[in-house]
Amino acid sequence: MVEKKKCGSCGTELLGKYSEFNCPKCDKEEIVRCESCRKLGIKYTCSKCGLELP
């Protein structure tokens, strides 16, 4: 079974365009954001190191 990805900012299930990358500070957490949160600059905080990203 394939795990469905959710936006780390708003929790929406990702179906279309989204961004996915490792935390630029600690590289220990995968950050996944929907297109809407990315465009609006909604904040996301890495749970491993506390880095806050727009």
Protein backbone atom coordinates (compact mmCIF):
# COMPACT_ATOMS: atom_id res chain seq x y z
CA MET A 1 0.00 0.00 0.00
CA VAL A 2 1.32 3.42 -0.98
CA GLU A 3 1.41 6.02 1.79
CA LYS A 4 -0.40 9.20 0.78
CA LYS A 5 1.58 12.37 1.38
CA LYS A 6 0.14 15.34 3.23
CA CYS A 7 1.23 18.96 3.29
CA GLY A 8 3.33 19.67 6.39
CA SER A 9 1.74 23.11 6.76
CA CYS A 10 -2.00 22.61 6.20
CA GLY A 11 -2.37 18.81 6.29
CA THR A 12 -4.08 18.58 2.90
CA GLU A 13 -3.61 15.32 1.01
CA LEU A 14 -1.29 16.01 -1.91
CA LEU A 15 -2.71 15.19 -5.31
CA GLY A 16 -1.28 17.78 -7.71
CA LYS A 17 1.78 19.98 -7.59
CA TYR A 18 3.84 20.04 -4.40
CA SER A 19 7.38 20.60 -3.15
CA GLU A 20 9.39 17.94 -1.36
CA PHE A 21 12.87 18.38 0.13
CA ASN A 22 14.96 17.63 3.22
CA CYS A 23 15.34 20.28 5.92
CA PRO A 24 18.17 22.58 4.77
CA LYS A 25 19.52 22.89 8.33
CA CYS A 26 19.56 19.34 9.74
CA ASP A 27 18.78 17.18 6.66
CA LYS A 28 16.90 14.79 9.00
CA GLU A 29 13.28 15.56 8.09
CA GLU A 30 11.50 15.44 4.76
CA ILE A 31 9.49 18.63 4.21
CA VAL A 32 6.47 18.34 1.94
CA ARG A 33 4.36 21.38 1.03
CA CYS A 34 1.35 21.86 -1.21
CA GLU A 35 1.51 24.43 -3.99
CA SER A 36 -0.92 26.73 -2.18
CA CYS A 37 1.06 26.90 1.11
CA ARG A 38 4.30 27.36 -0.82
CA LYS A 39 2.90 30.25 -2.86
CA LEU A 40 1.28 31.91 0.18
CA GLY A 41 4.43 31.51 2.29
CA ILE A 42 2.64 29.58 5.05
CA LYS A 43 5.17 28.73 7.79
CA TYR A 44 6.45 25.25 8.49
CA THR A 45 8.67 24.20 11.40
CA CYS A 46 11.06 21.25 11.24
CA SER A 47 10.21 18.91 14.13
CA LYS A 48 13.81 17.69 14.33
CA CYS A 49 15.76 20.98 14.63
CA GLY A 50 13.12 23.73 14.98
CA LEU A 51 14.02 25.60 11.78
CA GLU A 52 11.05 27.72 10.71
CA LEU A 53 10.54 28.12 6.99
CA PRO A 54 8.15 30.40 5.09
